[in-house]
PDB file of N, CA and C in Angstrom:
ATOM      1  N   MET A   1     149.870  75.965  62.262  1.00  0.00           N
ATOM      2  CA  MET A   1     150.584  75.839  63.515  1.00  0.00           C
ATOM      3  C   MET A   1     150.116  74.576  64.234  1.00  0.00           C
ATOM      4  N   SER A   2     151.043  73.708  64.509  1.00  0.00           N
ATOM      5  CA  SER A   2     150.677  72.481  65.219  1.00  0.00           C
ATOM      6  C   SER A   2     151.058  72.616  66.695  1.00  0.00           C
ATOM      7  N   LEU A   3     150.263  71.991  67.517  1.00  0.00           N
ATOM      8  CA  LEU A   3     150.486  72.045  68.953  1.00  0.00           C
ATOM      9  C   LEU A   3     151.380  70.897  69.390  1.00  0.00           C
ATOM     10  N   THR A   4     152.113  71.114  70.474  1.00  0.00           N
ATOM     11  CA  THR A   4     152.861  70.009  71.039  1.00  0.00           C
ATOM     12  C   THR A   4     151.885  69.109  71.780  1.00  0.00           C
ATOM     13  N   LYS A   5     152.359  67.963  72.174  1.00  0.00           N
ATOM     14  CA  LYS A   5     151.512  66.997  72.872  1.00  0.00           C
ATOM     15  C   LYS A   5     150.963  67.578  74.182  1.00  0.00           C
ATOM     16  N   SER A   6     151.821  68.257  74.941  1.00  0.00           N
ATOM     17  CA  SER A   6     151.383  68.812  76.221  1.00  0.00           C
ATOM     18  C   SER A   6     150.433  69.996  76.028  1.00  0.00           C
ATOM     19  N   GLU A   7     150.650  70.820  75.001  1.00  0.00           N
ATOM     20  CA  GLU A   7     149.738  71.935  74.723  1.00  0.00           C
ATOM     21  C   GLU A   7     148.363  71.420  74.321  1.00  0.00           C
ATOM     22  N   ARG A   8     148.335  70.370  73.537  1.00  0.00           N
ATOM     23  CA  ARG A   8     147.065  69.770  73.124  1.00  0.00           C
ATOM     24  C   ARG A   8     146.309  69.240  74.338  1.00  0.00           C
ATOM     25  N   ARG A   9     147.023  68.556  75.243  1.00  0.00           N
ATOM     26  CA  ARG A   9     146.401  68.026  76.451  1.00  0.00           C
ATOM     27  C   ARG A   9     145.869  69.145  77.333  1.00  0.00           C
ATOM     28  N   GLN A  10     146.622  70.251  77.438  1.00  0.00           N
ATOM     29  CA  GLN A  10     146.166  71.390  78.233  1.00  0.00           C
ATOM     30  C   GLN A  10     144.861  71.957  77.689  1.00  0.00           C
ATOM     31  N   ARG A  11     144.746  72.074  76.372  1.00  0.00           N
ATOM     32  CA  ARG A  11     143.516  72.579  75.767  1.00  0.00           C
ATOM     33  C   ARG A  11     142.338  71.678  76.081  1.00  0.00           C
ATOM     34  N   ILE A  12     142.546  70.368  75.929  1.00  0.00           N
ATOM     35  CA  ILE A  12     141.483  69.401  76.225  1.00  0.00           C
ATOM     36  C   ILE A  12     141.123  69.477  77.697  1.00  0.00           C
ATOM     37  N   LYS A  13     142.129  69.589  78.553  1.00  0.00           N
ATOM     38  CA  LYS A  13     141.920  69.656  80.001  1.00  0.00           C
ATOM     39  C   LYS A  13     141.051  70.858  80.371  1.00  0.00           C
ATOM     40  N   PHE A  14     141.351  72.030  79.819  1.00  0.00           N
ATOM     41  CA  PHE A  14     140.566  73.220  80.121  1.00  0.00           C
ATOM     42  C   PHE A  14     139.128  73.073  79.623  1.00  0.00           C
ATOM     43  N   ARG A  15     138.969  72.444  78.478  1.00  0.00           N
ATOM     44  CA  ARG A  15     137.623  72.228  77.928  1.00  0.00           C
ATOM     45  C   ARG A  15     136.813  71.302  78.840  1.00  0.00           C
ATOM     46  N   ILE A  16     137.456  70.275  79.381  1.00  0.00           N
ATOM     47  CA  ILE A  16     136.782  69.341  80.294  1.00  0.00           C
ATOM     48  C   ILE A  16     136.437  70.044  81.606  1.00  0.00           C
ATOM     49  N   ARG A  17     137.373  70.846  82.135  1.00  0.00           N
ATOM     50  CA  ARG A  17     137.187  71.472  83.445  1.00  0.00           C
ATOM     51  C   ARG A  17     136.109  72.542  83.451  1.00  0.00           C
ATOM     52  N   LYS A  18     135.712  73.047  82.248  1.00  0.00           N
ATOM     53  CA  LYS A  18     134.593  73.968  82.179  1.00  0.00           C
ATOM     54  C   LYS A  18     133.306  73.278  82.613  1.00  0.00           C
ATOM     55  N   VAL A  19     133.233  71.977  82.385  1.00  0.00           N
ATOM     56  CA  VAL A  19     132.019  71.211  82.658  1.00  0.00           C
ATOM     57  C   VAL A  19     132.130  70.429  83.969  1.00  0.00           C
ATOM     58  N   VAL A  20     133.249  69.749  84.195  1.00  0.00           N
ATOM     59  CA  VAL A  20     133.407  68.860  85.343  1.00  0.00           C
ATOM     60  C   VAL A  20     133.966  69.630  86.528  1.00  0.00           C
ATOM     61  N   THR A  21     133.146  69.765  87.593  1.00  0.00           N
ATOM     62  CA  THR A  21     133.610  70.395  88.827  1.00  0.00           C
ATOM     63  C   THR A  21     133.241  69.497  89.990  1.00  0.00           C
ATOM     64  N   GLY A  22     133.926  69.662  91.091  1.00  0.00           N
ATOM     65  CA  GLY A  22     133.671  68.845  92.267  1.00  0.00           C
ATOM     66  C   GLY A  22     133.061  69.678  93.378  1.00  0.00           C
ATOM     67  N   THR A  23     132.033  69.142  94.006  1.00  0.00           N
ATOM     68  CA  THR A  23     131.421  69.789  95.161  1.00  0.00           C
ATOM     69  C   THR A  23     131.623  68.872  96.365  1.00  0.00           C
ATOM     70  N   SER A  24     131.166  69.314  97.531  1.00  0.00           N
ATOM     71  CA  SER A  24     131.310  68.457  98.697  1.00  0.00           C
ATOM     72  C   SER A  24     130.375  67.254  98.612  1.00  0.00           C
ATOM     73  N   VAL A  25     129.256  67.399  97.886  1.00  0.00           N
ATOM     74  CA  VAL A  25     128.317  66.289  97.705  1.00  0.00           C
ATOM     75  C   VAL A  25     128.826  65.315  96.654  1.00  0.00           C
ATOM     76  N   LYS A  26     129.315  65.855  95.525  1.00  0.00           N
ATOM     77  CA  LYS A  26     129.839  65.024  94.437  1.00  0.00           C
ATOM     78  C   LYS A  26     131.215  65.557  94.025  1.00  0.00           C
ATOM     79  N   PRO A  27     132.282  65.092  94.706  1.00  0.00           N
ATOM     80  CA  PRO A  27     133.626  65.589  94.387  1.00  0.00           C
ATOM     81  C   PRO A  27     134.143  65.048  93.055  1.00  0.00           C
ATOM     82  N   ARG A  28     135.272  65.594  92.637  1.00  0.00           N
ATOM     83  CA  ARG A  28     135.866  65.251  91.345  1.00  0.00           C
ATOM     84  C   ARG A  28     136.995  64.249  91.553  1.00  0.00           C
ATOM     85  N   LEU A  29     136.982  63.166  90.776  1.00  0.00           N
ATOM     86  CA  LEU A  29     138.068  62.184  90.781  1.00  0.00           C
ATOM     87  C   LEU A  29     138.996  62.530  89.632  1.00  0.00           C
ATOM     88  N   SER A  30     140.153  63.088  89.956  1.00  0.00           N
ATOM     89  CA  SER A  30     141.107  63.540  88.953  1.00  0.00           C
ATOM     90  C   SER A  30     142.232  62.521  88.809  1.00  0.00           C
ATOM     91  N   VAL A  31     142.609  62.234  87.566  1.00  0.00           N
ATOM     92  CA  VAL A  31     143.641  61.246  87.258  1.00  0.00           C
ATOM     93  C   VAL A  31     144.833  61.954  86.632  1.00  0.00           C
ATOM     94  N   PHE A  32     146.036  61.622  87.099  1.00  0.00           N
ATOM     95  CA  PHE A  32     147.258  62.091  86.461  1.00  0.00           C
ATOM     96  C   PHE A  32     148.135  60.890  86.190  1.00  0.00           C
ATOM     97  N   ARG A  33     148.648  60.809  84.979  1.00  0.00           N
ATOM     98  CA  ARG A  33     149.551  59.709  84.674  1.00  0.00           C
ATOM     99  C   ARG A  33     150.858  60.271  84.143  1.00  0.00           C
ATOM    100  N   SER A  34     151.933  59.757  84.693  1.00  0.00           N
ATOM    101  CA  SER A  34     153.254  60.072  84.165  1.00  0.00           C
ATOM    102  C   SER A  34     153.704  58.847  83.381  1.00  0.00           C
ATOM    103  N   ASN A  35     154.902  58.891  82.863  1.00  0.00           N
ATOM    104  CA  ASN A  35     155.387  57.726  82.118  1.00  0.00           C
ATOM    105  C   ASN A  35     155.556  56.508  83.020  1.00  0.00           C
ATOM    106  N   LYS A  36     155.836  56.754  84.294  1.00  0.00           N
ATOM    107  CA  LYS A  36     156.175  55.666  85.199  1.00  0.00           C
ATOM    108  C   LYS A  36     155.068  55.339  86.195  1.00  0.00           C
ATOM    109  N   GLU A  37     154.360  56.343  86.689  1.00  0.00           N
ATOM    110  CA  GLU A  37     153.386  56.166  87.773  1.00  0.00           C
ATOM    111  C   GLU A  37     152.009  56.662  87.343  1.00  0.00           C
ATOM    112  N   ILE A  38     150.995  56.398  88.203  1.00  0.00           N
ATOM    113  CA  ILE A  38     149.651  56.941  88.001  1.00  0.00           C
ATOM    114  C   ILE A  38     149.113  57.385  89.355  1.00  0.00           C
ATOM    115  N   TYR A  39     148.440  58.521  89.360  1.00  0.00           N
ATOM    116  CA  TYR A  39     147.963  59.137  90.582  1.00  0.00           C
ATOM    117  C   TYR A  39     146.481  59.458  90.444  1.00  0.00           C
ATOM    118  N   ALA A  40     145.733  59.405  91.552  1.00  0.00           N
ATOM    119  CA  ALA A  40     144.320  59.777  91.564  1.00  0.00           C
ATOM    120  C   ALA A  40     144.041  60.590  92.818  1.00  0.00           C
ATOM    121  N   GLN A  41     143.216  61.628  92.665  1.00  0.00           N
ATOM    122  CA  GLN A  41     142.828  62.466  93.787  1.00  0.00           C
ATOM    123  C   GLN A  41     141.326  62.668  93.748  1.00  0.00           C
ATOM    124  N   ILE A  42     140.708  62.747  94.909  1.00  0.00           N
ATOM    125  CA  ILE A  42     139.307  63.137  94.996  1.00  0.00           C
ATOM    126  C   ILE A  42     139.292  64.536  95.595  1.00  0.00           C
ATOM    127  N   ILE A  43     138.734  65.491  94.821  1.00  0.00           N
ATOM    128  CA  ILE A  43     138.884  66.907  95.124  1.00  0.00           C
ATOM    129  C   ILE A  43     137.520  67.588  95.273  1.00  0.00           C
ATOM    130  N   ASP A  44     137.402  68.429  96.295  1.00  0.00           N
ATOM    131  CA  ASP A  44     136.251  69.314  96.459  1.00  0.00           C
ATOM    132  C   ASP A  44     136.686  70.682  95.944  1.00  0.00           C
ATOM    133  N   ASP A  45     136.223  71.063  94.740  1.00  0.00           N
ATOM    134  CA  ASP A  45     136.676  72.312  94.118  1.00  0.00           C
ATOM    135  C   ASP A  45     136.072  73.548  94.769  1.00  0.00           C
ATOM    136  N   VAL A  46     134.910  73.431  95.389  1.00  0.00           N
ATOM    137  CA  VAL A  46     134.276  74.585  96.017  1.00  0.00           C
ATOM    138  C   VAL A  46     135.130  75.086  97.178  1.00  0.00           C
ATOM    139  N   ASN A  47     135.588  74.168  98.018  1.00  0.00           N
ATOM    140  CA  ASN A  47     136.432  74.535  99.153  1.00  0.00           C
ATOM    141  C   ASN A  47     137.925  74.471  98.830  1.00  0.00           C
ATOM    142  N   GLY A  48     138.283  73.932  97.656  1.00  0.00           N
ATOM    143  CA  GLY A  48     139.683  73.833  97.268  1.00  0.00           C
ATOM    144  C   GLY A  48     140.467  72.849  98.111  1.00  0.00           C
ATOM    145  N   VAL A  49     139.857  71.683  98.392  1.00  0.00           N
ATOM    146  CA  VAL A  49     140.463  70.707  99.294  1.00  0.00           C
ATOM    147  C   VAL A  49     140.563  69.354  98.611  1.00  0.00           C
ATOM    148  N   THR A  50     141.708  68.690  98.764  1.00  0.00           N
ATOM    149  CA  THR A  50     141.841  67.308  98.334  1.00  0.00           C
ATOM    150  C   THR A  50     141.346  66.426  99.468  1.00  0.00           C
ATOM    151  N   LEU A  51     140.297  65.646  99.205  1.00  0.00           N
ATOM    152  CA  LEU A  51     139.689  64.831 100.248  1.00  0.00           C
ATOM    153  C   LEU A  51     140.480  63.547 100.493  1.00  0.00           C
ATOM    154  N   THR A  52     140.914  62.900  99.425  1.00  0.00           N
ATOM    155  CA  THR A  52     141.742  61.700  99.555  1.00  0.00           C
ATOM    156  C   THR A  52     142.523  61.500  98.260  1.00  0.00           C
ATOM    157  N   SER A  53     143.578  60.722  98.350  1.00  0.00           N
ATOM    158  CA  SER A  53     144.390  60.474  97.165  1.00  0.00           C
ATOM    159  C   SER A  53     145.006  59.084  97.232  1.00  0.00           C
ATOM    160  N   ALA A  54     145.422  58.601  96.067  1.00  0.00           N
ATOM    161  CA  ALA A  54     146.104  57.310  95.973  1.00  0.00           C
ATOM    162  C   ALA A  54     147.047  57.365  94.780  1.00  0.00           C
ATOM    163  N   SER A  55     148.096  56.563  94.837  1.00  0.00           N
ATOM    164  CA  SER A  55     149.023  56.525  93.712  1.00  0.00           C
ATOM    165  C   SER A  55     149.667  55.156  93.617  1.00  0.00           C
ATOM    166  N   SER A  56     150.340  54.935  92.521  1.00  0.00           N
ATOM    167  CA  SER A  56     151.021  53.662  92.310  1.00  0.00           C
ATOM    168  C   SER A  56     152.304  53.576  93.128  1.00  0.00           C
ATOM    169  N   ARG A  57     152.659  54.632  93.818  1.00  0.00           N
ATOM    170  CA  ARG A  57     153.870  54.637  94.652  1.00  0.00           C
ATOM    171  C   ARG A  57     153.597  54.165  96.064  1.00  0.00           C
ATOM    172  N   GLU A  58     152.320  53.955  96.423  1.00  0.00           N
ATOM    173  CA  GLU A  58     151.979  53.539  97.782  1.00  0.00           C
ATOM    174  C   GLU A  58     152.307  52.075  98.009  1.00  0.00           C
ATOM    175  N   ALA A  59     152.363  51.694  99.272  1.00  0.00           N
ATOM    176  CA  ALA A  59     152.854  50.372  99.657  1.00  0.00           C
ATOM    177  C   ALA A  59     151.918  49.229  99.267  1.00  0.00           C
ATOM    178  N   GLY A  60     150.599  49.424  99.354  1.00  0.00           N
ATOM    179  CA  GLY A  60     149.671  48.322  99.136  1.00  0.00           C
ATOM    180  C   GLY A  60     149.327  48.036  97.692  1.00  0.00           C
ATOM    181  N   ILE A  61     150.048  48.615  96.754  1.00  0.00           N
ATOM    182  CA  ILE A  61     149.727  48.478  95.336  1.00  0.00           C
ATOM    183  C   ILE A  61     150.483  47.305  94.740  1.00  0.00           C
ATOM    184  N   THR A  62     149.743  46.448  94.017  1.00  0.00           N
ATOM    185  CA  THR A  62     150.389  45.326  93.325  1.00  0.00           C
ATOM    186  C   THR A  62     151.022  45.845  92.043  1.00  0.00           C
ATOM    187  N   ARG A  63     152.287  45.562  91.868  1.00  0.00           N
ATOM    188  CA  ARG A  63     153.004  46.010  90.682  1.00  0.00           C
ATOM    189  C   ARG A  63     152.938  44.909  89.633  1.00  0.00           C
ATOM    190  N   GLY A  64     152.518  45.267  88.448  1.00  0.00           N
ATOM    191  CA  GLY A  64     152.466  44.326  87.349  1.00  0.00           C
ATOM    192  C   GLY A  64     152.537  45.115  86.066  1.00  0.00           C
ATOM    193  N   ALA A  65     151.683  44.750  85.111  1.00  0.00           N
ATOM    194  CA  ALA A  65     151.567  45.558  83.901  1.00  0.00           C
ATOM    195  C   ALA A  65     150.976  46.914  84.289  1.00  0.00           C
ATOM    196  N   ASN A  66     151.214  47.915  83.472  1.00  0.00           N
ATOM    197  CA  ASN A  66     150.764  49.264  83.791  1.00  0.00           C
ATOM    198  C   ASN A  66     149.266  49.333  84.042  1.00  0.00           C
ATOM    199  N   SER A  67     148.457  48.649  83.219  1.00  0.00           N
ATOM    200  CA  SER A  67     147.010  48.722  83.394  1.00  0.00           C
ATOM    201  C   SER A  67     146.561  47.981  84.650  1.00  0.00           C
ATOM    202  N   GLU A  68     147.271  46.919  85.025  1.00  0.00           N
ATOM    203  CA  GLU A  68     146.940  46.205  86.268  1.00  0.00           C
ATOM    204  C   GLU A  68     147.250  47.084  87.485  1.00  0.00           C
ATOM    205  N   THR A  69     148.360  47.787  87.437  1.00  0.00           N
ATOM    206  CA  THR A  69     148.716  48.703  88.511  1.00  0.00           C
ATOM    207  C   THR A  69     147.679  49.815  88.621  1.00  0.00           C
ATOM    208  N   ALA A  70     147.246  50.345  87.481  1.00  0.00           N
ATOM    209  CA  ALA A  70     146.237  51.405  87.473  1.00  0.00           C
ATOM    210  C   ALA A  70     144.917  50.908  88.062  1.00  0.00           C
ATOM    211  N   ALA A  71     144.538  49.670  87.765  1.00  0.00           N
ATOM    212  CA  ALA A  71     143.302  49.108  88.311  1.00  0.00           C
ATOM    213  C   ALA A  71     143.397  48.989  89.836  1.00  0.00           C
ATOM    214  N   SER A  72     144.559  48.592  90.344  1.00  0.00           N
ATOM    215  CA  SER A  72     144.701  48.489  91.795  1.00  0.00           C
ATOM    216  C   SER A  72     144.708  49.871  92.457  1.00  0.00           C
ATOM    217  N   VAL A  73     145.211  50.895  91.767  1.00  0.00           N
ATOM    218  CA  VAL A  73     145.131  52.265  92.282  1.00  0.00           C
ATOM    219  C   VAL A  73     143.675  52.715  92.313  1.00  0.00           C
ATOM    220  N   GLY A  74     142.898  52.342  91.291  1.00  0.00           N
ATOM    221  CA  GLY A  74     141.470  52.657  91.264  1.00  0.00           C
ATOM    222  C   GLY A  74     140.727  52.015  92.418  1.00  0.00           C
ATOM    223  N   LYS A  75     141.060  50.765  92.711  1.00  0.00           N
ATOM    224  CA  LYS A  75     140.425  50.083  93.847  1.00  0.00           C
ATOM    225  C   LYS A  75     140.798  50.750  95.164  1.00  0.00           C
ATOM    226  N   LEU A  76     142.063  51.142  95.297  1.00  0.00           N
ATOM    227  CA  LEU A  76     142.527  51.792  96.518  1.00  0.00           C
ATOM    228  C   LEU A  76     141.852  53.143  96.732  1.00  0.00           C
ATOM    229  N   ILE A  77     141.737  53.947  95.671  1.00  0.00           N
ATOM    230  CA  ILE A  77     141.093  55.260  95.814  1.00  0.00           C
ATOM    231  C   ILE A  77     139.617  55.087  96.155  1.00  0.00           C
ATOM    232  N   ALA A  78     138.973  54.052  95.610  1.00  0.00           N
ATOM    233  CA  ALA A  78     137.564  53.805  95.914  1.00  0.00           C
ATOM    234  C   ALA A  78     137.393  53.387  97.379  1.00  0.00           C
ATOM    235  N   GLU A  79     138.285  52.532  97.875  1.00  0.00           N
ATOM    236  CA  GLU A  79     138.216  52.119  99.278  1.00  0.00           C
ATOM    237  C   GLU A  79     138.396  53.308 100.211  1.00  0.00           C
ATOM    238  N   LYS A  80     139.369  54.179  99.896  1.00  0.00           N
ATOM    239  CA  LYS A  80     139.605  55.363 100.714  1.00  0.00           C
ATOM    240  C   LYS A  80     138.406  56.308 100.665  1.00  0.00           C
ATOM    241  N   ALA A  81     137.792  56.437  99.489  1.00  0.00           N
ATOM    242  CA  ALA A  81     136.644  57.329  99.337  1.00  0.00           C
ATOM    243  C   ALA A  81     135.443  56.804 100.112  1.00  0.00           C
ATOM    244  N   LEU A  82     135.193  55.502 100.019  1.00  0.00           N
ATOM    245  CA  LEU A  82     134.066  54.921 100.738  1.00  0.00           C
ATOM    246  C   LEU A  82     134.268  55.037 102.247  1.00  0.00           C
ATOM    247  N   LYS A  83     135.517  54.897 102.688  1.00  0.00           N
ATOM    248  CA  LYS A  83     135.827  55.054 104.114  1.00  0.00           C
ATOM    249  C   LYS A  83     135.575  56.492 104.570  1.00  0.00           C
ATOM    250  N   ALA A  84     135.790  57.451 103.648  1.00  0.00           N
ATOM    251  CA  ALA A  84     135.557  58.866 103.963  1.00  0.00           C
ATOM    252  C   ALA A  84     134.099  59.271 103.751  1.00  0.00           C
ATOM    253  N   GLY A  85     133.252  58.326 103.329  1.00  0.00           N
ATOM    254  CA  GLY A  85     131.831  58.610 103.150  1.00  0.00           C
ATOM    255  C   GLY A  85     131.476  59.172 101.789  1.00  0.00           C
ATOM    256  N   ILE A  86     132.315  58.954 100.790  1.00  0.00           N
ATOM    257  CA  ILE A  86     132.066  59.452  99.434  1.00  0.00           C
ATOM    258  C   ILE A  86     131.671  58.276  98.553  1.00  0.00           C
ATOM    259  N   GLU A  87     130.494  58.354  97.933  1.00  0.00           N
ATOM    260  CA  GLU A  87     130.038  57.281  97.045  1.00  0.00           C
ATOM    261  C   GLU A  87     129.992  57.718  95.591  1.00  0.00           C
ATOM    262  N   ASN A  88     129.561  58.965  95.335  1.00  0.00           N
ATOM    263  CA  ASN A  88     129.422  59.480  93.971  1.00  0.00           C
ATOM    264  C   ASN A  88     130.513  60.497  93.682  1.00  0.00           C
ATOM    265  N   VAL A  89     131.129  60.381  92.500  1.00  0.00           N
ATOM    266  CA  VAL A  89     132.151  61.335  92.074  1.00  0.00           C
ATOM    267  C   VAL A  89     131.942  61.693  90.608  1.00  0.00           C
ATOM    268  N   SER A  90     132.533  62.810  90.202  1.00  0.00           N
ATOM    269  CA  SER A  90     132.614  63.176  88.794  1.00  0.00           C
ATOM    270  C   SER A  90     133.999  62.756  88.318  1.00  0.00           C
ATOM    271  N   PHE A  91     134.075  62.054  87.197  1.00  0.00           N
ATOM    272  CA  PHE A  91     135.370  61.567  86.715  1.00  0.00           C
ATOM    273  C   PHE A  91     136.018  62.603  85.817  1.00  0.00           C
ATOM    274  N   ASP A  92     137.253  62.973  86.142  1.00  0.00           N
ATOM    275  CA  ASP A  92     138.034  63.942  85.368  1.00  0.00           C
ATOM    276  C   ASP A  92     139.241  63.222  84.791  1.00  0.00           C
ATOM    277  N   ARG A  93     139.209  62.978  83.489  1.00  0.00           N
ATOM    278  CA  ARG A  93     140.307  62.250  82.855  1.00  0.00           C
ATOM    279  C   ARG A  93     141.512  63.140  82.600  1.00  0.00           C
ATOM    280  N   ASN A  94     141.371  64.437  82.896  1.00  0.00           N
ATOM    281  CA  ASN A  94     142.499  65.366  82.922  1.00  0.00           C
ATOM    282  C   ASN A  94     143.172  65.549  81.568  1.00  0.00           C
ATOM    283  N   GLY A  95     142.416  65.463  80.490  1.00  0.00           N
ATOM    284  CA  GLY A  95     142.974  65.672  79.158  1.00  0.00           C
ATOM    285  C   GLY A  95     143.506  64.423  78.501  1.00  0.00           C
ATOM    286  N   TYR A  96     143.543  63.307  79.217  1.00  0.00           N
ATOM    287  CA  TYR A  96     144.011  62.050  78.644  1.00  0.00           C
ATOM    288  C   TYR A  96     142.842  61.342  77.963  1.00  0.00           C
ATOM    289  N   LEU A  97     143.144  60.507  77.006  1.00  0.00           N
ATOM    290  CA  LEU A  97     142.105  59.703  76.372  1.00  0.00           C
ATOM    291  C   LEU A  97     141.583  58.677  77.373  1.00  0.00           C
ATOM    292  N   TYR A  98     140.289  58.386  77.301  1.00  0.00           N
ATOM    293  CA  TYR A  98     139.703  57.355  78.171  1.00  0.00           C
ATOM    294  C   TYR A  98     140.058  56.010  77.550  1.00  0.00           C
ATOM    295  N   HIS A  99     141.280  55.570  77.824  1.00  0.00           N
ATOM    296  CA  HIS A  99     141.824  54.387  77.179  1.00  0.00           C
ATOM    297  C   HIS A  99     143.026  53.931  77.989  1.00  0.00           C
ATOM    298  N   GLY A 100     143.296  52.651  78.004  1.00  0.00           N
ATOM    299  CA  GLY A 100     144.500  52.149  78.654  1.00  0.00           C
ATOM    300  C   GLY A 100     144.476  52.298  80.158  1.00  0.00           C
ATOM    301  N   ARG A 101     145.506  52.962  80.694  1.00  0.00           N
ATOM    302  CA  ARG A 101     145.648  53.084  82.145  1.00  0.00           C
ATOM    303  C   ARG A 101     144.538  53.906  82.782  1.00  0.00           C
ATOM    304  N   VAL A 102     144.092  54.963  82.107  1.00  0.00           N
ATOM    305  CA  VAL A 102     143.018  55.807  82.648  1.00  0.00           C
ATOM    306  C   VAL A 102     141.723  54.997  82.734  1.00  0.00           C
ATOM    307  N   LYS A 103     141.439  54.226  81.707  1.00  0.00           N
ATOM    308  CA  LYS A 103     140.231  53.398  81.683  1.00  0.00           C
ATOM    309  C   LYS A 103     140.286  52.310  82.746  1.00  0.00           C
ATOM    310  N   SER A 104     141.426  51.656  82.913  1.00  0.00           N
ATOM    311  CA  SER A 104     141.513  50.589  83.903  1.00  0.00           C
ATOM    312  C   SER A 104     141.446  51.139  85.328  1.00  0.00           C
ATOM    313  N   LEU A 105     141.951  52.359  85.567  1.00  0.00           N
ATOM    314  CA  LEU A 105     141.795  52.986  86.878  1.00  0.00           C
ATOM    315  C   LEU A 105     140.314  53.239  87.151  1.00  0.00           C
ATOM    316  N   ALA A 106     139.596  53.747  86.161  1.00  0.00           N
ATOM    317  CA  ALA A 106     138.168  54.021  86.326  1.00  0.00           C
ATOM    318  C   ALA A 106     137.385  52.736  86.579  1.00  0.00           C
ATOM    319  N   GLU A 107     137.704  51.687  85.840  1.00  0.00           N
ATOM    320  CA  GLU A 107     136.998  50.413  86.014  1.00  0.00           C
ATOM    321  C   GLU A 107     137.306  49.797  87.381  1.00  0.00           C
ATOM    322  N   GLY A 108     138.549  49.930  87.838  1.00  0.00           N
ATOM    323  CA  GLY A 108     138.914  49.439  89.165  1.00  0.00           C
ATOM    324  C   GLY A 108     138.159  50.166  90.257  1.00  0.00           C
ATOM    325  N   ALA A 109     137.983  51.479  90.097  1.00  0.00           N
ATOM    326  CA  ALA A 109     137.243  52.264  91.089  1.00  0.00           C
ATOM    327  C   ALA A 109     135.761  51.874  91.074  1.00  0.00           C
ATOM    328  N   ARG A 110     135.217  51.626  89.890  1.00  0.00           N
ATOM    329  CA  ARG A 110     133.807  51.197  89.798  1.00  0.00           C
ATOM    330  C   ARG A 110     133.605  49.847  90.437  1.00  0.00           C
ATOM    331  N   GLU A 111     134.532  48.913  90.199  1.00  0.00           N
ATOM    332  CA  GLU A 111     134.423  47.567  90.782  1.00  0.00           C
ATOM    333  C   GLU A 111     134.425  47.618  92.318  1.00  0.00           C
ATOM    334  N   ALA A 112     135.196  48.556  92.871  1.00  0.00           N
ATOM    335  CA  ALA A 112     135.294  48.663  94.325  1.00  0.00           C
ATOM    336  C   ALA A 112     134.135  49.426  94.942  1.00  0.00           C
ATOM    337  N   GLY A 113     133.199  49.924  94.118  1.00  0.00           N
ATOM    338  CA  GLY A 113     131.977  50.517  94.650  1.00  0.00           C
ATOM    339  C   GLY A 113     131.788  52.002  94.473  1.00  0.00           C
ATOM    340  N   LEU A 114     132.676  52.665  93.761  1.00  0.00           N
ATOM    341  CA  LEU A 114     132.533  54.091  93.515  1.00  0.00           C
ATOM    342  C   LEU A 114     131.601  54.296  92.323  1.00  0.00           C
ATOM    343  N   LYS A 115     130.705  55.273  92.408  1.00  0.00           N
ATOM    344  CA  LYS A 115     129.732  55.515  91.320  1.00  0.00           C
ATOM    345  C   LYS A 115     130.090  56.793  90.572  1.00  0.00           C
ATOM    346  N   PHE A 116     130.180  56.674  89.246  1.00  0.00           N
ATOM    347  CA  PHE A 116     130.336  57.847  88.371  1.00  0.00           C
ATOM    348  C   PHE A 116     129.963  57.489  86.962  1.00  0.00           C
TER     349      PHE A 116
END
């Protein structure tokens, strides 16, 4: 029995979420990518609250190649997090491979000063 692409991602996602959780001290940076856009949220799982979020649909994002857009979303989420007093996060790749747009978002967030 072979799994569909989305079923495979769900399995990987659940396996990751067993380990990666967000607290108020070290929240979780969750990444979601669709075919067209990319989204990032910083989440406190203990209280069930999204602390801040950013996406490629926002006004201040430079549109270019997909990985360049993802890097600018990473920088934006890092700026918002630092403004909210968050420096350290746990990175949740959400079942996606750490490659391409997910990797460039993470590198953009690191460049802007977020630690993970």
